[in-house]
C-alpha cells in the first residue's frame, strides 16, 4: 500500500478547511493529513480536531502564509518518520473530484515516479483550467488527454514522489507566501525531473486575480507596505528568485522596476501601463 502525506496550510476559513479534509478522506481515508493552522481566530484547530481526530494539526504563528506554512507541514510529516511514498500539496479552497487521487497516482506511475505531478484545476463553470501550471509562454495549460510539460508550477494540488523529495528536498522557506511552488518546479527540472500536468482536471477552484505588484487607490506609504508584505511582490524575495533563475542583471532591473512602479501615482501607472498593474 502506498503511503501519502497530505500537506495543507490554512487561515480563518474553517468551513473550507473542514470541507477540504472531509472531501479528501472520503476519496481516500488512508491518507495522513498534516494541517498547519497559521494563527486562525475562527476556531479552525479546535473544530478540525473534533471532526478529524487523526489529522495532525500544527499551530502556526500567524506569519507563515502559504509557502512557509507548507514548509512547516512537510517538516512535521518527515519528523513523524513514516516512510511516505508521496507528499500531496493541497489548497483547502479546491474541491477535489472523485477520481483526483487515482489520476495523480496514475500519472506518477506513468512517469516512473520521476516527475512532479500537478493537478489541473478548473474554474467554477468547469470550462477552463485556471491552475496547474504555465507553459513556456506563461499561459495556463489546458487538458488534452495527455500529461503535458509545465514550465512554471502552480502549487494548488501537487503530488511529489519520495524519489523527487530525496533528491531536491522540500519547499524553500526563504519564500514567504508565493513563488515557492514555482521555485520547486524549477529546481525539479534543474535536477532532471519532469514537471507534468494530469491528463484532465481533477478539481474545481476559484481564480485569484489580486495584484501582488501594486496596491492601487492607496497612499505611497500603504503601497510600499503592501509591496513588502507577504501578499505583495516583496522585492527582496523576487531578487532572490530572479538571481537564481534569470541572472543578476535581470534581478537588479526587476528590483528597481518594482520600486518605480510603486513610486509613481495611479494616474501615471494607468498612462504608462493601462490596466496591467491594476
Protein backbone atom coordinates (compact mmCIF):
# COMPACT_ATOMS: atom_id res chain seq x y z
CA UNK A 1 0.00 0.00 0.00
CA UNK A 2 1.34 3.41 -0.98
CA UNK A 3 1.56 5.91 1.89
CA UNK A 4 0.57 9.50 1.17
CA UNK A 5 1.04 12.56 3.39
CA UNK A 6 -1.28 15.45 2.53
CA UNK A 7 0.13 18.88 3.39
CA UNK A 8 -2.31 21.76 3.95
CA UNK A 9 -1.99 25.25 5.38
CA UNK A 10 -4.97 27.38 6.33
CA UNK A 11 -6.07 30.65 7.89
CA UNK A 12 -9.54 31.72 9.03
CA UNK A 13 -11.75 29.82 6.62
CA UNK A 14 -12.81 26.94 8.81
CA UNK A 15 -15.72 25.82 6.62
CA UNK A 16 -13.50 25.42 3.56
CA UNK A 17 -10.81 23.68 5.59
CA UNK A 18 -13.29 21.22 7.10
CA UNK A 19 -14.86 20.57 3.68
CA UNK A 20 -11.46 20.04 2.07
CA UNK A 21 -10.29 17.48 4.64
CA UNK A 22 -13.64 15.72 4.63
CA UNK A 23 -13.61 15.52 0.84
CA UNK A 24 -10.06 14.16 0.79
CA UNK A 25 -10.82 11.49 3.37
CA UNK A 26 -14.00 10.46 1.55
CA UNK A 27 -11.82 9.82 -1.52
CA UNK A 28 -9.05 8.00 0.37
CA UNK A 29 -9.33 7.61 4.13
CA UNK A 30 -5.80 6.17 4.39
CA UNK A 31 -4.11 9.46 3.53
CA UNK A 32 -2.39 11.09 6.53
CA UNK A 33 -3.16 14.80 6.82
CA UNK A 34 -0.77 17.43 8.22
CA UNK A 35 -2.55 20.76 8.65
CA UNK A 36 -0.81 24.00 9.59
CA UNK A 37 -3.29 26.42 11.11
CA UNK A 38 -1.47 29.72 10.75
CA UNK A 39 -2.98 31.62 13.68
CA UNK A 40 -6.67 31.31 12.80
CA UNK A 41 -9.10 33.07 15.15
CA UNK A 42 -12.22 31.26 13.93
CA UNK A 43 -11.65 28.05 15.89
CA UNK A 44 -10.19 26.12 12.95
CA UNK A 45 -7.80 23.98 15.02
CA UNK A 46 -10.41 23.00 17.58
CA UNK A 47 -13.07 22.18 15.00
CA UNK A 48 -10.66 20.14 12.87
CA UNK A 49 -9.54 18.20 15.95
CA UNK A 50 -13.16 17.47 16.80
CA UNK A 51 -14.16 16.43 13.28
CA UNK A 52 -10.95 14.59 12.34
CA UNK A 53 -9.06 13.33 15.43
CA UNK A 54 -6.41 11.62 13.30
CA UNK A 55 -5.39 14.81 11.49
CA UNK A 56 -2.08 16.24 12.70
CA UNK A 57 -2.80 19.91 13.46
CA UNK A 58 0.23 22.19 13.75
CA UNK A 59 -0.21 25.69 15.13
CA UNK A 60 1.49 28.47 13.19
CA UNK A 61 2.43 31.91 14.46
CA UNK A 62 0.17 33.84 12.07
CA UNK A 63 3.04 34.93 9.84
CA UNK A 64 3.76 31.78 7.81
CA UNK A 65 1.35 32.25 4.91
CA UNK A 66 1.32 29.64 2.12
CA UNK A 67 4.92 28.68 1.45
CA UNK A 68 6.27 28.76 4.99
CA UNK A 69 3.11 27.04 6.22
CA UNK A 70 3.54 24.25 3.68
CA UNK A 71 7.25 24.04 4.54
CA UNK A 72 6.34 23.50 8.20
CA UNK A 73 3.68 20.88 7.35
CA UNK A 74 6.25 19.00 5.26
CA UNK A 75 8.83 19.13 8.06
CA UNK A 76 6.31 17.70 10.50
CA UNK A 77 5.40 14.89 8.12
CA UNK A 78 9.10 13.98 7.93
CA UNK A 79 9.57 14.17 11.69
CA UNK A 80 6.82 11.56 12.01
CA UNK A 81 9.31 9.11 10.46
CA UNK A 82 6.70 7.35 8.36
CA UNK A 83 8.23 6.30 5.05
CA UNK A 84 5.82 8.13 2.79
CA UNK A 85 5.78 7.26 -0.90
CA UNK A 86 4.22 10.58 -1.87
CA UNK A 87 3.68 14.06 -0.49
CA UNK A 88 0.47 15.77 -1.61
CA UNK A 89 0.23 19.56 -1.55
CA UNK A 90 -3.40 20.60 -1.23
CA UNK A 91 -5.03 24.02 -1.04
CA UNK A 92 -8.15 23.98 1.09
CA UNK A 93 -10.17 26.02 -1.42
CA UNK A 94 -10.01 23.22 -4.03
CA UNK A 95 -12.94 20.84 -4.40
CA UNK A 96 -11.39 17.55 -5.43
CA UNK A 97 -13.18 15.29 -7.91
CA UNK A 98 -13.80 11.63 -7.05
CA UNK A 99 -11.02 10.39 -9.34
CA UNK A 100 -8.43 13.01 -8.31
CA UNK A 101 -6.08 10.84 -6.22
CA UNK A 102 -6.32 7.96 -8.68
CA UNK A 103 -5.44 10.30 -11.55
CA UNK A 104 -2.47 11.78 -9.70
CA UNK A 105 -1.11 8.33 -8.85
CA UNK A 106 -1.65 7.04 -12.38
CA UNK A 107 0.30 9.98 -13.79
CA UNK A 108 3.09 9.42 -11.26
CA UNK A 109 3.29 5.75 -12.24
CA UNK A 110 3.32 6.59 -15.94
CA UNK A 111 6.33 8.82 -15.29
CA UNK A 112 8.02 6.08 -13.21
CA UNK A 113 7.70 8.37 -10.17
CA UNK A 114 10.41 10.60 -11.63
CA UNK A 115 8.18 13.64 -12.05
CA UNK A 116 6.30 16.22 -10.02
CA UNK A 117 2.62 15.87 -10.95
CA UNK A 118 0.40 18.97 -10.80
CA UNK A 119 -3.36 18.57 -10.88
CA UNK A 120 -5.25 20.72 -13.37
CA UNK A 121 -7.87 22.82 -11.56
CA UNK A 122 -10.93 24.09 -13.45
CA UNK A 123 -12.95 27.23 -12.81
CA UNK A 124 -16.41 27.43 -11.24
CA UNK A 125 -18.18 26.59 -14.51
CA UNK A 126 -15.74 23.81 -15.39
CA UNK A 127 -14.99 25.11 -18.87
CA UNK A 128 -11.44 26.40 -18.32
CA UNK A 129 -8.36 25.37 -16.36
CA UNK A 130 -7.15 28.17 -14.09
CA UNK A 131 -4.38 26.44 -12.12
CA UNK A 132 -1.96 23.58 -12.53
CA UNK A 133 0.91 25.16 -14.38
CA UNK A 134 2.09 27.57 -17.04
CA UNK A 135 3.69 26.69 -20.34
CA UNK A 136 6.78 28.36 -21.77
CA UNK A 137 4.58 31.26 -22.96
CA UNK A 138 3.24 31.80 -19.43
CA UNK A 139 -0.22 30.55 -20.39
CA UNK A 140 -2.29 28.21 -18.18
CA UNK A 141 -2.04 24.70 -19.61
CA UNK A 142 -5.36 23.27 -20.80
CA UNK A 143 -6.06 19.50 -20.80
CA UNK A 144 -5.62 17.45 -23.98
CA UNK A 145 -5.84 13.91 -22.57
CA UNK A 146 -2.08 13.62 -22.10
CA UNK A 147 0.39 14.69 -19.45
CA UNK A 148 1.96 17.99 -20.51
CA UNK A 149 5.21 19.64 -19.55
CA UNK A 150 4.97 22.53 -17.09
CA UNK A 151 7.41 25.43 -17.05
CA UNK A 152 6.06 27.31 -14.02
CA UNK A 153 4.37 25.15 -11.41
CA UNK A 154 1.18 26.11 -9.52
CA UNK A 155 1.02 24.58 -6.05
CA UNK A 156 -2.75 24.10 -5.66
CA UNK A 157 -2.75 20.28 -5.88
CA UNK A 158 0.66 18.69 -6.41
CA UNK A 159 1.96 15.14 -5.92
CA UNK A 160 5.67 14.80 -5.12
CA UNK A 161 7.08 11.22 -5.18
CA UNK A 162 9.57 10.26 -2.49
CA UNK A 163 12.40 9.96 -5.03
CA UNK A 164 11.96 13.60 -6.06
CA UNK A 165 11.91 14.78 -2.45
CA UNK A 166 15.01 12.74 -1.62
CA UNK A 167 16.89 14.44 -4.44
CA UNK A 168 15.81 18.08 -4.10
CA UNK A 169 14.33 18.35 -0.61
CA UNK A 170 11.27 20.33 0.44
CA UNK A 171 9.99 23.85 -0.20
CA UNK A 172 12.49 26.66 0.30
CA UNK A 173 11.47 28.66 3.42
CA UNK A 174 13.05 31.85 2.08
CA UNK A 175 9.86 32.34 0.09
CA UNK A 176 7.07 33.66 2.26
CA UNK A 177 3.72 33.29 0.50
CA UNK A 178 4.17 32.78 -3.24
CA UNK A 179 6.97 31.75 -5.65
CA UNK A 180 7.88 28.73 -3.54
CA UNK A 181 5.85 26.46 -5.80
CA UNK A 182 7.39 27.91 -8.96
CA UNK A 183 10.84 27.57 -7.42
CA UNK A 184 10.22 23.93 -6.51
CA UNK A 185 9.19 23.10 -10.07
CA UNK A 186 12.26 24.79 -11.50
CA UNK A 187 14.52 23.03 -9.01
CA UNK A 188 12.98 19.72 -10.03
CA UNK A 189 13.60 20.42 -13.71
CA UNK A 190 17.16 21.53 -13.00
CA UNK A 191 17.74 18.20 -11.24
CA UNK A 192 16.48 16.25 -14.24
CA UNK A 193 12.91 15.54 -13.12
CA UNK A 194 9.89 16.29 -15.26
CA UNK A 195 7.10 18.58 -14.03
CA UNK A 196 3.86 17.40 -15.61
CA UNK A 197 0.13 18.06 -15.56
CA UNK A 198 -2.56 15.49 -15.01
CA UNK A 199 -4.36 14.39 -18.18
CA UNK A 200 -7.61 16.08 -17.08
CA UNK A 201 -8.99 18.44 -14.49
CA UNK A 202 -9.02 16.86 -11.03
CA UNK A 203 -10.69 19.59 -9.01
CA UNK A 204 -12.55 22.87 -9.02
CA UNK A 205 -11.30 26.16 -7.65
CA UNK A 206 -11.57 29.91 -7.82
CA UNK A 207 -9.29 32.30 -9.66
CA UNK A 208 -7.34 34.82 -7.58
CA UNK A 209 -6.70 37.94 -9.63
CA UNK A 210 -5.29 40.11 -6.82
CA UNK A 211 -2.25 42.08 -7.97
CA UNK A 212 0.84 41.45 -5.86
CA UNK A 213 2.93 44.10 -7.58
CA UNK A 214 0.99 47.24 -6.71
CA UNK A 215 -1.78 48.40 -4.38
CA UNK A 216 -3.82 50.96 -6.27
CA UNK A 217 -6.03 53.69 -4.80
CA UNK A 218 -3.73 53.90 -1.80
CA UNK A 219 -1.16 56.28 -0.39
CA UNK A 220 2.53 55.99 -1.21
CA UNK A 221 3.24 54.60 2.28
CA UNK A 222 0.48 51.97 2.04
CA UNK A 223 1.68 50.91 -1.40
CA UNK A 224 5.19 50.24 -0.12
CA UNK A 225 3.96 48.45 2.99
CA UNK A 226 1.86 46.20 0.75
CA UNK A 227 4.75 45.64 -1.67
CA UNK A 228 6.99 44.35 1.13
CA UNK A 229 4.20 42.38 2.85
CA UNK A 230 3.82 38.58 2.43
CA UNK A 231 0.96 39.14 -0.02
CA UNK A 232 2.91 41.66 -2.08
CA UNK A 233 5.72 41.16 -4.57
CA UNK A 234 8.46 41.56 -1.98
CA UNK A 235 11.45 42.95 -3.93
CA UNK A 236 14.00 41.09 -1.79
CA UNK A 237 12.28 37.74 -2.37
CA UNK A 238 11.87 38.45 -6.07
CA UNK A 239 15.57 39.39 -6.26
CA UNK A 240 16.46 36.03 -4.66
CA UNK A 241 14.24 34.15 -7.11
CA UNK A 242 15.31 36.02 -10.24
CA UNK A 243 19.00 35.89 -9.44
CA UNK A 244 18.70 32.11 -9.09
CA UNK A 245 16.92 31.53 -12.40
CA UNK A 246 17.35 34.62 -14.58
CA UNK A 247 20.71 36.06 -13.55
CA UNK A 248 21.93 39.03 -11.54
CA UNK A 249 21.15 41.66 -14.20
CA UNK A 250 17.52 40.59 -14.51
CA UNK A 251 17.21 40.55 -10.71
CA UNK A 252 18.60 44.07 -10.36
CA UNK A 253 16.43 45.52 -13.14
CA UNK A 254 13.28 43.93 -11.71
CA UNK A 255 14.15 45.13 -8.20
CA UNK A 256 14.37 48.70 -9.50
CA UNK A 257 11.20 48.33 -11.58
CA UNK A 258 9.11 47.20 -8.59
CA UNK A 259 10.11 50.30 -6.66
CA UNK A 260 9.48 52.57 -9.65
CA UNK A 261 6.06 51.01 -10.20
CA UNK A 262 5.07 51.74 -6.62
CA UNK A 263 6.61 55.22 -6.57
CA UNK A 264 4.51 56.61 -9.44
CA UNK A 265 0.92 57.76 -8.74
CA UNK A 266 -2.11 55.88 -10.05
CA UNK A 267 -2.61 58.28 -12.96
CA UNK A 268 0.94 57.76 -14.26
CA UNK A 269 0.65 54.00 -13.78
CA UNK A 270 -2.53 53.97 -15.88
CA UNK A 271 -0.95 56.19 -18.56
CA UNK A 272 2.19 54.05 -18.85
CA UNK A 273 0.78 50.54 -18.35
CA UNK A 274 -3.00 50.74 -18.78
CA UNK A 275 -4.72 48.09 -16.67
CA UNK A 276 -1.71 45.74 -16.50
CA UNK A 277 -0.90 46.59 -12.87
CA UNK A 278 -4.40 47.38 -11.61
